[in-house]
Amino acid sequence: GRVGLATSKFFRNSFSTAPGVVDLSNKTFDKILIANRGEIACRVIRTAQRLGIQTVAVFSDADANAEHVRLADESVYIGASPAAESYLLGHKIIEACKTTGAQAVHPGYGFLSENLPFCDLCKEAGVTFIGPPPYAIKVMGSKSESKAVMIDAKVPVTPGYHGEDNSPEKLMEEARKMGFPLMIKAVAGGGGKGMRMVLEEAKFLDSLESCRRESLKSFGDDQVLIEKLVTDPRHVELQVFGDTHGEVVHLLERDCSIQRRHQKVLEEAPAHNLDAATRQAMGEAAVACAKAVGYVGAGTVEFLVDSATNEFYFCEMNTRLQVE
């Protein structure tokens, strides 16, 4: 279909026409380092090796005999078992690149995958960060900044207040304009933390203070935004891929509405009971979202869908390889 053709064109420089035969004529790197562990590191290593690219694993004390270390062509010890003493030390990763001659780093997910200071370290060392540009990570790391960019890109966002004035008086003023019920969300939030549903005005200030406390504790930032509450919402997200030439494709959607404490329990693809027009519009919006921040690599654009109307609103973008 249309998506399959677009995907084939997107990857035309990576694979030859002969089934199972990889074309190495456009190989970008000779050697990459995988700054991760476990299954994701193994998958990146296997894929790189199929492309004729040498791989470097890094490991802590706990992972000295791990599978990703055995699979890689080389391995480098980077520290003690706690991640804060090994996998989260950007300078150790850069040292390992210099020692082995790795030209690029694949961060996988978690650890340093969305870490702006690490992106800067890579740039200073002349090592390519295999992932989105720092601008995309920065913008999508802020719920308020990302929504401002999405509005400019004509991507639907949930009606609300995303301004810089975060005083209780201003937020209450905007809440009254919007009407209740509504949501208070931490600007730097994620993973279901820093969110409060407010059903009536009398509970607004207490909920605001509670949300700020949790946000400051979890993210080091107590800035919030307020949005219309979408009742009976569906959580639908799309996988996107961008290249370094400004091209972006999406690989259709997953319905992630079955959740516990705002954490996904079950994902269904394709999403059920989603009409063709909405599906196409969401795909176009996801591509527009990625293009608006010059996205490169794999990412996920998340939307809230109103079950009654099928209207959808941008929620956030994960600027990394998705765990799924």
C-alpha atoms as a PDB file:
ATOM      1  CA  GLY A   1       0.000   0.000   0.000  1.00  0.00           C
ATOM      2  CA  ARG A   2       0.919   3.690   0.166  1.00  0.00           C
ATOM      3  CA  VAL A   3       2.791   3.375   3.469  1.00  0.00           C
ATOM      4  CA  GLY A   4       4.697   0.328   2.246  1.00  0.00           C
ATOM      5  CA  LEU A   5       5.837   2.168  -0.877  1.00  0.00           C
ATOM      6  CA  ALA A   6       6.892   5.181   1.157  1.00  0.00           C
ATOM      7  CA  THR A   7       8.809   2.979   3.559  1.00  0.00           C
ATOM      8  CA  SER A   8      10.545   1.169   0.716  1.00  0.00           C
ATOM      9  CA  LYS A   9      11.611   4.497  -0.784  1.00  0.00           C
ATOM     10  CA  PHE A  10      12.736   5.703   2.634  1.00  0.00           C
ATOM     11  CA  PHE A  11      15.087   2.763   3.093  1.00  0.00           C
ATOM     12  CA  ARG A  12      16.126   2.482  -0.556  1.00  0.00           C
ATOM     13  CA  ASN A  13      19.791   3.184   0.242  1.00  0.00           C
ATOM     14  CA  SER A  14      20.026   0.508   2.917  1.00  0.00           C
ATOM     15  CA  PHE A  15      18.864  -2.653   1.170  1.00  0.00           C
ATOM     16  CA  SER A  16      19.454  -4.161  -2.262  1.00  0.00           C
ATOM     17  CA  THR A  17      16.700  -5.581  -4.453  1.00  0.00           C
ATOM     18  CA  ALA A  18      17.882  -9.135  -3.860  1.00  0.00           C
ATOM     19  CA  PRO A  19      16.001 -10.603  -0.866  1.00  0.00           C
ATOM     20  CA  GLY A  20      18.207 -10.930   2.200  1.00  0.00           C
ATOM     21  CA  VAL A  21      21.217  -9.251   0.555  1.00  0.00           C
ATOM     22  CA  VAL A  22      22.399  -5.973   2.070  1.00  0.00           C
ATOM     23  CA  ASP A  23      23.833  -3.239  -0.152  1.00  0.00           C
ATOM     24  CA  LEU A  24      26.887  -1.790   1.639  1.00  0.00           C
ATOM     25  CA  SER A  25      27.754   0.799  -1.022  1.00  0.00           C
ATOM     26  CA  ASN A  26      26.131   3.610   0.978  1.00  0.00           C
ATOM     27  CA  LYS A  27      27.338   2.507   4.408  1.00  0.00           C
ATOM     28  CA  THR A  28      27.708   5.589   6.624  1.00  0.00           C
ATOM     29  CA  PHE A  29      29.807   4.187   9.477  1.00  0.00           C
ATOM     30  CA  ASP A  30      32.445   1.476   9.797  1.00  0.00           C
ATOM     31  CA  LYS A  31      32.084   1.111  13.569  1.00  0.00           C
ATOM     32  CA  ILE A  32      29.457   2.208  16.113  1.00  0.00           C
ATOM     33  CA  LEU A  33      29.230   1.992  19.894  1.00  0.00           C
ATOM     34  CA  ILE A  34      25.980   0.969  21.570  1.00  0.00           C
ATOM     35  CA  ALA A  35      25.573   2.919  24.812  1.00  0.00           C
ATOM     36  CA  ASN A  36      23.070   0.530  26.348  1.00  0.00           C
ATOM     37  CA  ARG A  37      22.613  -3.004  27.635  1.00  0.00           C
ATOM     38  CA  GLY A  38      20.256  -5.979  27.418  1.00  0.00           C
ATOM     39  CA  GLU A  39      17.842  -6.722  24.611  1.00  0.00           C
ATOM     40  CA  ILE A  40      17.950  -3.314  22.927  1.00  0.00           C
ATOM     41  CA  ALA A  41      21.742  -3.448  22.726  1.00  0.00           C
ATOM     42  CA  CYS A  42      21.551  -6.954  21.221  1.00  0.00           C
ATOM     43  CA  ARG A  43      19.054  -5.843  18.573  1.00  0.00           C
ATOM     44  CA  VAL A  44      21.143  -2.846  17.539  1.00  0.00           C
ATOM     45  CA  ILE A  45      24.279  -5.012  17.403  1.00  0.00           C
ATOM     46  CA  ARG A  46      22.627  -7.670  15.233  1.00  0.00           C
ATOM     47  CA  THR A  47      21.225  -5.071  12.838  1.00  0.00           C
ATOM     48  CA  ALA A  48      24.561  -3.263  12.536  1.00  0.00           C
ATOM     49  CA  GLN A  49      26.360  -6.528  11.844  1.00  0.00           C
ATOM     50  CA  ARG A  50      23.875  -7.377   9.078  1.00  0.00           C
ATOM     51  CA  LEU A  51      24.821  -4.036   7.539  1.00  0.00           C
ATOM     52  CA  GLY A  52      28.528  -4.854   7.743  1.00  0.00           C
ATOM     53  CA  ILE A  53      29.165  -2.359  10.557  1.00  0.00           C
ATOM     54  CA  GLN A  54      31.499  -3.285  13.427  1.00  0.00           C
ATOM     55  CA  THR A  55      30.040  -2.909  16.915  1.00  0.00           C
ATOM     56  CA  VAL A  56      31.351  -1.908  20.331  1.00  0.00           C
ATOM     57  CA  ALA A  57      29.523  -2.847  23.522  1.00  0.00           C
ATOM     58  CA  VAL A  58      29.987  -1.162  26.888  1.00  0.00           C
ATOM     59  CA  PHE A  59      29.413  -2.942  30.179  1.00  0.00           C
ATOM     60  CA  SER A  60      29.387  -2.524  33.939  1.00  0.00           C
ATOM     61  CA  ASP A  61      30.431  -5.056  36.575  1.00  0.00           C
ATOM     62  CA  ALA A  62      26.919  -6.556  36.509  1.00  0.00           C
ATOM     63  CA  ASP A  63      27.051  -7.117  32.744  1.00  0.00           C
ATOM     64  CA  ALA A  64      30.544  -8.545  32.292  1.00  0.00           C
ATOM     65  CA  ASN A  65      29.077 -11.816  30.960  1.00  0.00           C
ATOM     66  CA  ALA A  66      25.936 -10.378  29.349  1.00  0.00           C
ATOM     67  CA  GLU A  67      24.802 -11.401  25.875  1.00  0.00           C
ATOM     68  CA  HIS A  68      25.305  -7.969  24.327  1.00  0.00           C
ATOM     69  CA  VAL A  69      28.967  -8.106  25.372  1.00  0.00           C
ATOM     70  CA  ARG A  70      29.406 -11.516  23.748  1.00  0.00           C
ATOM     71  CA  LEU A  71      27.656 -10.454  20.544  1.00  0.00           C
ATOM     72  CA  ALA A  72      29.660  -7.283  19.894  1.00  0.00           C
ATOM     73  CA  ASP A  73      32.962  -7.231  18.011  1.00  0.00           C
ATOM     74  CA  GLU A  74      34.580  -5.322  20.880  1.00  0.00           C
ATOM     75  CA  SER A  75      33.617  -4.402  24.421  1.00  0.00           C
ATOM     76  CA  VAL A  76      34.730  -1.737  26.888  1.00  0.00           C
ATOM     77  CA  TYR A  77      34.340  -1.749  30.667  1.00  0.00           C
ATOM     78  CA  ILE A  78      32.843   1.550  31.892  1.00  0.00           C
ATOM     79  CA  GLY A  79      32.306   1.173  35.638  1.00  0.00           C
ATOM     80  CA  ALA A  80      30.459  -0.262  38.598  1.00  0.00           C
ATOM     81  CA  SER A  81      27.014  -1.875  38.458  1.00  0.00           C
ATOM     82  CA  PRO A  82      24.837   1.164  39.346  1.00  0.00           C
ATOM     83  CA  ALA A  83      23.866   3.001  36.160  1.00  0.00           C
ATOM     84  CA  ALA A  84      24.936   6.307  37.711  1.00  0.00           C
ATOM     85  CA  GLU A  85      28.474   4.894  37.868  1.00  0.00           C
ATOM     86  CA  SER A  86      28.540   3.432  34.357  1.00  0.00           C
ATOM     87  CA  TYR A  87      25.832   3.744  31.678  1.00  0.00           C
ATOM     88  CA  LEU A  88      24.878   7.307  32.654  1.00  0.00           C
ATOM     89  CA  LEU A  89      28.455   8.621  32.513  1.00  0.00           C
ATOM     90  CA  GLY A  90      28.642  10.361  29.167  1.00  0.00           C
ATOM     91  CA  HIS A  91      32.371  11.041  29.363  1.00  0.00           C
ATOM     92  CA  LYS A  92      33.034   7.307  29.810  1.00  0.00           C
ATOM     93  CA  ILE A  93      31.041   6.579  26.638  1.00  0.00           C
ATOM     94  CA  ILE A  94      33.027   9.186  24.697  1.00  0.00           C
ATOM     95  CA  GLU A  95      36.314   7.760  26.030  1.00  0.00           C
ATOM     96  CA  ALA A  96      35.242   4.318  24.828  1.00  0.00           C
ATOM     97  CA  CYS A  97      34.510   5.764  21.375  1.00  0.00           C
ATOM     98  CA  LYS A  98      37.968   7.322  21.186  1.00  0.00           C
ATOM     99  CA  THR A  99      39.669   4.160  22.412  1.00  0.00           C
ATOM    100  CA  THR A 100      37.949   1.904  19.874  1.00  0.00           C
ATOM    101  CA  GLY A 101      37.613   4.327  16.965  1.00  0.00           C
ATOM    102  CA  ALA A 102      33.814   4.176  16.986  1.00  0.00           C
ATOM    103  CA  GLN A 103      32.446   6.921  14.745  1.00  0.00           C
ATOM    104  CA  ALA A 104      28.936   7.021  16.204  1.00  0.00           C
ATOM    105  CA  VAL A 105      26.905   6.186  19.299  1.00  0.00           C
ATOM    106  CA  HIS A 106      23.519   4.470  19.301  1.00  0.00           C
ATOM    107  CA  PRO A 107      21.913   5.245  22.697  1.00  0.00           C
ATOM    108  CA  GLY A 108      18.986   2.784  22.511  1.00  0.00           C
ATOM    109  CA  TYR A 109      16.290   3.934  24.935  1.00  0.00           C
ATOM    110  CA  GLY A 110      16.593   5.225  28.485  1.00  0.00           C
ATOM    111  CA  PHE A 111      20.017   6.112  29.916  1.00  0.00           C
ATOM    112  CA  LEU A 112      21.482   8.848  27.652  1.00  0.00           C
ATOM    113  CA  SER A 113      18.997   8.619  24.770  1.00  0.00           C
ATOM    114  CA  GLU A 114      17.343  11.991  25.510  1.00  0.00           C
ATOM    115  CA  ASN A 115      20.226  13.669  27.335  1.00  0.00           C
ATOM    116  CA  LEU A 116      21.143  17.048  25.844  1.00  0.00           C
ATOM    117  CA  PRO A 117      24.533  17.396  27.609  1.00  0.00           C
ATOM    118  CA  PHE A 118      25.525  14.013  26.157  1.00  0.00           C
ATOM    119  CA  CYS A 119      24.565  15.219  22.664  1.00  0.00           C
ATOM    120  CA  ASP A 120      26.899  18.171  23.234  1.00  0.00           C
ATOM    121  CA  LEU A 121      29.697  15.833  24.353  1.00  0.00           C
ATOM    122  CA  CYS A 122      29.282  13.812  21.166  1.00  0.00           C
ATOM    123  CA  LYS A 123      29.436  16.927  19.018  1.00  0.00           C
ATOM    124  CA  GLU A 124      32.566  18.198  20.776  1.00  0.00           C
ATOM    125  CA  ALA A 125      34.254  14.808  20.312  1.00  0.00           C
ATOM    126  CA  GLY A 126      33.284  14.533  16.634  1.00  0.00           C
ATOM    127  CA  VAL A 127      31.158  11.457  17.353  1.00  0.00           C
ATOM    128  CA  THR A 128      27.776  11.146  15.631  1.00  0.00           C
ATOM    129  CA  PHE A 129      24.760  10.736  17.927  1.00  0.00           C
ATOM    130  CA  ILE A 130      22.435   8.261  16.192  1.00  0.00           C
ATOM    131  CA  GLY A 131      19.148   9.911  16.987  1.00  0.00           C
ATOM    132  CA  PRO A 132      17.282  13.197  16.737  1.00  0.00           C
ATOM    133  CA  PRO A 133      19.017  16.592  16.773  1.00  0.00           C
ATOM    134  CA  PRO A 134      19.325  18.385  20.141  1.00  0.00           C
ATOM    135  CA  TYR A 135      16.656  20.917  19.099  1.00  0.00           C
ATOM    136  CA  ALA A 136      14.055  18.161  18.734  1.00  0.00           C
ATOM    137  CA  ILE A 137      14.963  16.659  22.126  1.00  0.00           C
ATOM    138  CA  LYS A 138      14.815  20.099  23.777  1.00  0.00           C
ATOM    139  CA  VAL A 139      11.478  21.137  22.284  1.00  0.00           C
ATOM    140  CA  MET A 140       9.740  17.815  22.866  1.00  0.00           C
ATOM    141  CA  GLY A 141      11.100  17.641  26.412  1.00  0.00           C
ATOM    142  CA  SER A 142       8.837  20.566  27.347  1.00  0.00           C
ATOM    143  CA  LYS A 143       5.083  20.127  27.132  1.00  0.00           C
ATOM    144  CA  SER A 144       4.525  23.872  26.795  1.00  0.00           C
ATOM    145  CA  GLU A 145       7.260  24.512  24.202  1.00  0.00           C
ATOM    146  CA  SER A 146       6.278  21.464  22.156  1.00  0.00           C
ATOM    147  CA  LYS A 147       2.637  22.536  22.023  1.00  0.00           C
ATOM    148  CA  ALA A 148       3.641  26.025  20.859  1.00  0.00           C
ATOM    149  CA  VAL A 149       5.672  24.489  18.022  1.00  0.00           C
ATOM    150  CA  MET A 150       2.803  22.140  17.142  1.00  0.00           C
ATOM    151  CA  ILE A 151       0.335  25.026  16.951  1.00  0.00           C
ATOM    152  CA  ASP A 152       2.646  26.746  14.449  1.00  0.00           C
ATOM    153  CA  ALA A 153       2.852  23.475  12.486  1.00  0.00           C
ATOM    154  CA  LYS A 154      -0.982  23.226  12.367  1.00  0.00           C
ATOM    155  CA  VAL A 155      -0.966  20.030  14.433  1.00  0.00           C
ATOM    156  CA  PRO A 156      -4.098  19.845  16.659  1.00  0.00           C
ATOM    157  CA  VAL A 157      -3.379  20.395  20.366  1.00  0.00           C
ATOM    158  CA  THR A 158      -5.675  20.152  23.362  1.00  0.00           C
ATOM    159  CA  PRO A 159      -7.234  23.561  24.095  1.00  0.00           C
ATOM    160  CA  GLY A 160      -5.570  25.086  27.125  1.00  0.00           C
ATOM    161  CA  TYR A 161      -3.096  27.580  28.573  1.00  0.00           C
ATOM    162  CA  HIS A 162       0.591  26.944  27.842  1.00  0.00           C
ATOM    163  CA  GLY A 163       1.959  30.404  28.660  1.00  0.00           C
ATOM    164  CA  GLU A 164       5.026  31.423  30.663  1.00  0.00           C
ATOM    165  CA  ASP A 165       3.168  33.260  33.453  1.00  0.00           C
ATOM    166  CA  ASN A 166       2.793  30.444  35.980  1.00  0.00           C
ATOM    167  CA  SER A 167       1.492  32.452  38.913  1.00  0.00           C
ATOM    168  CA  PRO A 168      -1.487  30.915  40.742  1.00  0.00           C
ATOM    169  CA  GLU A 169      -3.531  34.017  39.912  1.00  0.00           C
ATOM    170  CA  LYS A 170      -2.891  33.729  36.165  1.00  0.00           C
ATOM    171  CA  LEU A 171      -3.518  29.992  36.130  1.00  0.00           C
ATOM    172  CA  MET A 172      -6.802  30.435  38.017  1.00  0.00           C
ATOM    173  CA  GLU A 173      -7.832  33.180  35.580  1.00  0.00           C
ATOM    174  CA  GLU A 174      -7.146  30.899  32.601  1.00  0.00           C
ATOM    175  CA  ALA A 175      -8.893  27.961  34.292  1.00  0.00           C
ATOM    176  CA  ARG A 176     -12.044  30.035  34.751  1.00  0.00           C
ATOM    177  CA  LYS A 177     -11.964  31.048  31.086  1.00  0.00           C
ATOM    178  CA  MET A 178     -11.575  27.423  30.046  1.00  0.00           C
ATOM    179  CA  GLY A 179     -14.118  26.004  32.436  1.00  0.00           C
ATOM    180  CA  PHE A 180     -14.064  22.801  34.461  1.00  0.00           C
ATOM    181  CA  PRO A 181     -13.288  19.912  34.390  1.00  0.00           C
ATOM    182  CA  LEU A 182      -9.654  20.353  33.316  1.00  0.00           C
ATOM    183  CA  MET A 183      -6.173  18.873  33.690  1.00  0.00           C
ATOM    184  CA  ILE A 184      -3.085  20.368  35.332  1.00  0.00           C
ATOM    185  CA  LYS A 185       0.124  18.933  33.854  1.00  0.00           C
ATOM    186  CA  ALA A 186       3.792  19.366  34.685  1.00  0.00           C
ATOM    187  CA  VAL A 187       5.602  21.059  31.783  1.00  0.00           C
ATOM    188  CA  ALA A 188       8.549  18.668  32.208  1.00  0.00           C
ATOM    189  CA  GLY A 189       6.322  15.705  33.112  1.00  0.00           C
ATOM    190  CA  GLY A 190       6.049  12.215  31.759  1.00  0.00           C
ATOM    191  CA  GLY A 191       5.197   8.672  32.760  1.00  0.00           C
ATOM    192  CA  GLY A 192       1.926   9.771  34.347  1.00  0.00           C
ATOM    193  CA  LYS A 193       3.644  11.911  37.004  1.00  0.00           C
ATOM    194  CA  GLY A 194       2.774  15.533  37.596  1.00  0.00           C
ATOM    195  CA  MET A 195      -0.853  15.330  36.445  1.00  0.00           C
ATOM    196  CA  ARG A 196      -4.021  16.309  38.281  1.00  0.00           C
ATOM    197  CA  MET A 197      -7.638  16.118  37.142  1.00  0.00           C
ATOM    198  CA  VAL A 198      -9.673  19.019  38.553  1.00  0.00           C
ATOM    199  CA  LEU A 199     -13.445  18.663  38.395  1.00  0.00           C
ATOM    200  CA  GLU A 200     -14.447  21.924  40.100  1.00  0.00           C
ATOM    201  CA  GLU A 201     -12.984  25.354  40.809  1.00  0.00           C
ATOM    202  CA  ALA A 202     -12.937  24.853  44.586  1.00  0.00           C
ATOM    203  CA  LYS A 203     -10.308  22.118  44.199  1.00  0.00           C
ATOM    204  CA  PHE A 204      -8.089  23.981  41.714  1.00  0.00           C
ATOM    205  CA  LEU A 205      -5.534  25.675  43.999  1.00  0.00           C
ATOM    206  CA  ASP A 206      -4.993  22.594  46.190  1.00  0.00           C
ATOM    207  CA  SER A 207      -4.537  20.445  43.079  1.00  0.00           C
ATOM    208  CA  LEU A 208      -2.138  23.012  41.612  1.00  0.00           C
ATOM    209  CA  GLU A 209       0.051  22.995  44.729  1.00  0.00           C
ATOM    210  CA  SER A 210       0.049  19.190  44.849  1.00  0.00           C
ATOM    211  CA  CYS A 211       0.976  18.964  41.176  1.00  0.00           C
ATOM    212  CA  ARG A 212       3.821  21.481  41.620  1.00  0.00           C
ATOM    213  CA  ARG A 213       5.280  19.532  44.554  1.00  0.00           C
ATOM    214  CA  GLU A 214       5.273  16.253  42.641  1.00  0.00           C
ATOM    215  CA  SER A 215       6.706  17.905  39.535  1.00  0.00           C
ATOM    216  CA  LEU A 216       9.548  19.537  41.453  1.00  0.00           C
ATOM    217  CA  LYS A 217      10.398  16.279  43.202  1.00  0.00           C
ATOM    218  CA  SER A 218      10.230  14.146  40.032  1.00  0.00           C
ATOM    219  CA  PHE A 219      11.597  16.510  37.374  1.00  0.00           C
ATOM    220  CA  GLY A 220      13.293  19.395  39.196  1.00  0.00           C
ATOM    221  CA  ASP A 221      10.820  21.835  37.625  1.00  0.00           C
ATOM    222  CA  ASP A 222       7.465  23.012  39.047  1.00  0.00           C
ATOM    223  CA  GLN A 223       6.154  24.789  35.934  1.00  0.00           C
ATOM    224  CA  VAL A 224       2.723  23.578  34.808  1.00  0.00           C
ATOM    225  CA  LEU A 225       0.163  24.037  32.064  1.00  0.00           C
ATOM    226  CA  ILE A 226      -3.601  23.558  32.091  1.00  0.00           C
ATOM    227  CA  GLU A 227      -5.719  21.863  29.453  1.00  0.00           C
ATOM    228  CA  LYS A 228      -9.288  20.904  28.707  1.00  0.00           C
ATOM    229  CA  LEU A 229     -10.113  17.477  30.115  1.00  0.00           C
ATOM    230  CA  VAL A 230     -10.851  15.025  27.312  1.00  0.00           C
ATOM    231  CA  THR A 231     -13.464  12.721  28.826  1.00  0.00           C
ATOM    232  CA  ASP A 232     -13.407   9.065  27.807  1.00  0.00           C
ATOM    233  CA  PRO A 233     -10.159   9.505  25.831  1.00  0.00           C
ATOM    234  CA  ARG A 234      -8.235   6.998  23.740  1.00  0.00           C
ATOM    235  CA  HIS A 235      -4.449   7.034  23.663  1.00  0.00           C
ATOM    236  CA  VAL A 236      -3.235   6.438  20.109  1.00  0.00           C
ATOM    237  CA  GLU A 237       0.368   6.812  18.998  1.00  0.00           C
ATOM    238  CA  LEU A 238       2.235   6.574  15.704  1.00  0.00           C
ATOM    239  CA  GLN A 239       5.764   5.412  14.972  1.00  0.00           C
ATOM    240  CA  VAL A 240       7.706   7.850  12.786  1.00  0.00           C
ATOM    241  CA  PHE A 241      11.089   7.694  11.084  1.00  0.00           C
ATOM    242  CA  GLY A 242      13.008  10.682   9.749  1.00  0.00           C
ATOM    243  CA  ASP A 243      16.156  10.794   7.623  1.00  0.00           C
ATOM    244  CA  THR A 244      18.847  13.455   7.299  1.00  0.00           C
ATOM    245  CA  HIS A 245      17.328  14.809   4.069  1.00  0.00           C
ATOM    246  CA  GLY A 246      14.118  16.088   5.663  1.00  0.00           C
ATOM    247  CA  GLU A 247      11.982  13.083   4.706  1.00  0.00           C
ATOM    248  CA  VAL A 248       9.642  11.532   7.287  1.00  0.00           C
ATOM    249  CA  VAL A 249       7.344   8.507   7.134  1.00  0.00           C
ATOM    250  CA  HIS A 250       4.969   6.983   9.648  1.00  0.00           C
ATOM    251  CA  LEU A 251       4.281   3.291  10.176  1.00  0.00           C
ATOM    252  CA  LEU A 252       0.636   3.606  11.211  1.00  0.00           C
ATOM    253  CA  GLU A 253      -0.767   3.566  14.706  1.00  0.00           C
ATOM    254  CA  ARG A 254      -1.022   1.664  17.975  1.00  0.00           C
ATOM    255  CA  ASP A 255      -3.923   1.999  20.417  1.00  0.00           C
ATOM    256  CA  CYS A 256      -2.475   2.228  23.940  1.00  0.00           C
ATOM    257  CA  SER A 257      -5.673   3.053  25.812  1.00  0.00           C
ATOM    258  CA  ILE A 258      -5.536   0.118  28.237  1.00  0.00           C
ATOM    259  CA  GLN A 259      -3.435   1.570  31.043  1.00  0.00           C
ATOM    260  CA  ARG A 260      -2.890   1.303  34.769  1.00  0.00           C
ATOM    261  CA  ARG A 261      -1.795   4.436  36.618  1.00  0.00           C
ATOM    262  CA  HIS A 262      -1.096   6.082  33.258  1.00  0.00           C
ATOM    263  CA  GLN A 263       1.268   3.257  32.274  1.00  0.00           C
ATOM    264  CA  LYS A 264       0.484   1.232  29.137  1.00  0.00           C
ATOM    265  CA  VAL A 265      -0.549  -2.355  29.764  1.00  0.00           C
ATOM    266  CA  LEU A 266      -1.662  -3.482  26.298  1.00  0.00           C
ATOM    267  CA  GLU A 267      -1.119  -2.073  22.813  1.00  0.00           C
ATOM    268  CA  GLU A 268      -3.192  -2.948  19.755  1.00  0.00           C
ATOM    269  CA  ALA A 269      -2.193  -2.346  16.136  1.00  0.00           C
ATOM    270  CA  PRO A 270      -3.923  -1.221  14.084  1.00  0.00           C
ATOM    271  CA  ALA A 271      -6.210   0.733  16.382  1.00  0.00           C
ATOM    272  CA  HIS A 272      -9.750  -0.627  16.391  1.00  0.00           C
ATOM    273  CA  ASN A 273     -12.789   1.489  15.513  1.00  0.00           C
ATOM    274  CA  LEU A 274     -10.741   4.263  13.892  1.00  0.00           C
ATOM    275  CA  ASP A 275     -12.210   5.463  10.609  1.00  0.00           C
ATOM    276  CA  ALA A 276     -10.043   5.854   7.509  1.00  0.00           C
ATOM    277  CA  ALA A 277     -10.259   9.650   7.443  1.00  0.00           C
ATOM    278  CA  THR A 278      -9.115   9.987  11.075  1.00  0.00           C
ATOM    279  CA  ARG A 279      -6.338   7.458  10.529  1.00  0.00           C
ATOM    280  CA  GLN A 280      -5.043   9.405   7.527  1.00  0.00           C
ATOM    281  CA  ALA A 281      -5.312  12.755   9.328  1.00  0.00           C
ATOM    282  CA  MET A 282      -3.403  11.412  12.334  1.00  0.00           C
ATOM    283  CA  GLY A 283      -0.667  10.066  10.087  1.00  0.00           C
ATOM    284  CA  GLU A 284      -0.311  13.418   8.348  1.00  0.00           C
ATOM    285  CA  ALA A 285      -0.241  15.198  11.716  1.00  0.00           C
ATOM    286  CA  ALA A 286       2.469  12.840  13.037  1.00  0.00           C
ATOM    287  CA  VAL A 287       4.638  13.502   9.975  1.00  0.00           C
ATOM    288  CA  ALA A 288       4.069  17.268  10.310  1.00  0.00           C
ATOM    289  CA  CYS A 289       5.046  17.028  13.974  1.00  0.00           C
ATOM    290  CA  ALA A 290       8.345  15.317  13.174  1.00  0.00           C
ATOM    291  CA  LYS A 291       9.158  17.678  10.308  1.00  0.00           C
ATOM    292  CA  ALA A 292       8.483  20.721  12.518  1.00  0.00           C
ATOM    293  CA  VAL A 293      11.489  19.844  14.696  1.00  0.00           C
ATOM    294  CA  GLY A 294      13.741  18.427  11.954  1.00  0.00           C
ATOM    295  CA  TYR A 295      13.405  14.941  13.386  1.00  0.00           C
ATOM    296  CA  VAL A 296      15.938  12.238  12.532  1.00  0.00           C
ATOM    297  CA  GLY A 297      15.682   8.551  13.451  1.00  0.00           C
ATOM    298  CA  ALA A 298      12.899   6.665  15.204  1.00  0.00           C
ATOM    299  CA  GLY A 299      10.331   8.442  17.337  1.00  0.00           C
ATOM    300  CA  THR A 300       6.770   8.157  18.588  1.00  0.00           C
ATOM    301  CA  VAL A 301       4.055  10.805  18.350  1.00  0.00           C
ATOM    302  CA  GLU A 302       1.274  10.399  20.898  1.00  0.00           C
ATOM    303  CA  PHE A 303      -2.293  11.684  20.549  1.00  0.00           C
ATOM    304  CA  LEU A 304      -5.388  11.796  22.743  1.00  0.00           C
ATOM    305  CA  VAL A 305      -8.528  10.902  20.802  1.00  0.00           C
ATOM    306  CA  ASP A 306     -11.997  11.962  21.905  1.00  0.00           C
ATOM    307  CA  SER A 307     -13.994   8.712  21.748  1.00  0.00           C
ATOM    308  CA  ALA A 308     -17.260  10.514  21.077  1.00  0.00           C
ATOM    309  CA  THR A 309     -16.107  12.714  18.184  1.00  0.00           C
ATOM    310  CA  ASN A 310     -12.827  11.090  16.988  1.00  0.00           C
ATOM    311  CA  GLU A 311     -11.185  14.514  17.278  1.00  0.00           C
ATOM    312  CA  PHE A 312      -7.532  14.051  18.200  1.00  0.00           C
ATOM    313  CA  TYR A 313      -4.988  16.225  19.979  1.00  0.00           C
ATOM    314  CA  PHE A 314      -1.186  16.127  20.174  1.00  0.00           C
ATOM    315  CA  CYS A 315      -0.055  14.829  23.549  1.00  0.00           C
ATOM    316  CA  GLU A 316       3.741  14.454  23.329  1.00  0.00           C
ATOM    317  CA  MET A 317       6.576  12.982  21.296  1.00  0.00           C
ATOM    318  CA  ASN A 318       9.087  10.431  22.552  1.00  0.00           C
ATOM    319  CA  THR A 319      12.368  11.488  20.972  1.00  0.00           C
ATOM    320  CA  ARG A 320      13.975   8.071  21.068  1.00  0.00           C
ATOM    321  CA  LEU A 321      13.536   4.487  20.001  1.00  0.00           C
ATOM    322  CA  GLN A 322      10.309   3.308  21.650  1.00  0.00           C
ATOM    323  CA  VAL A 323      10.606   0.514  24.216  1.00  0.00           C
ATOM    324  CA  GLU A 324       7.961  -1.510  22.362  1.00  0.00           C
END
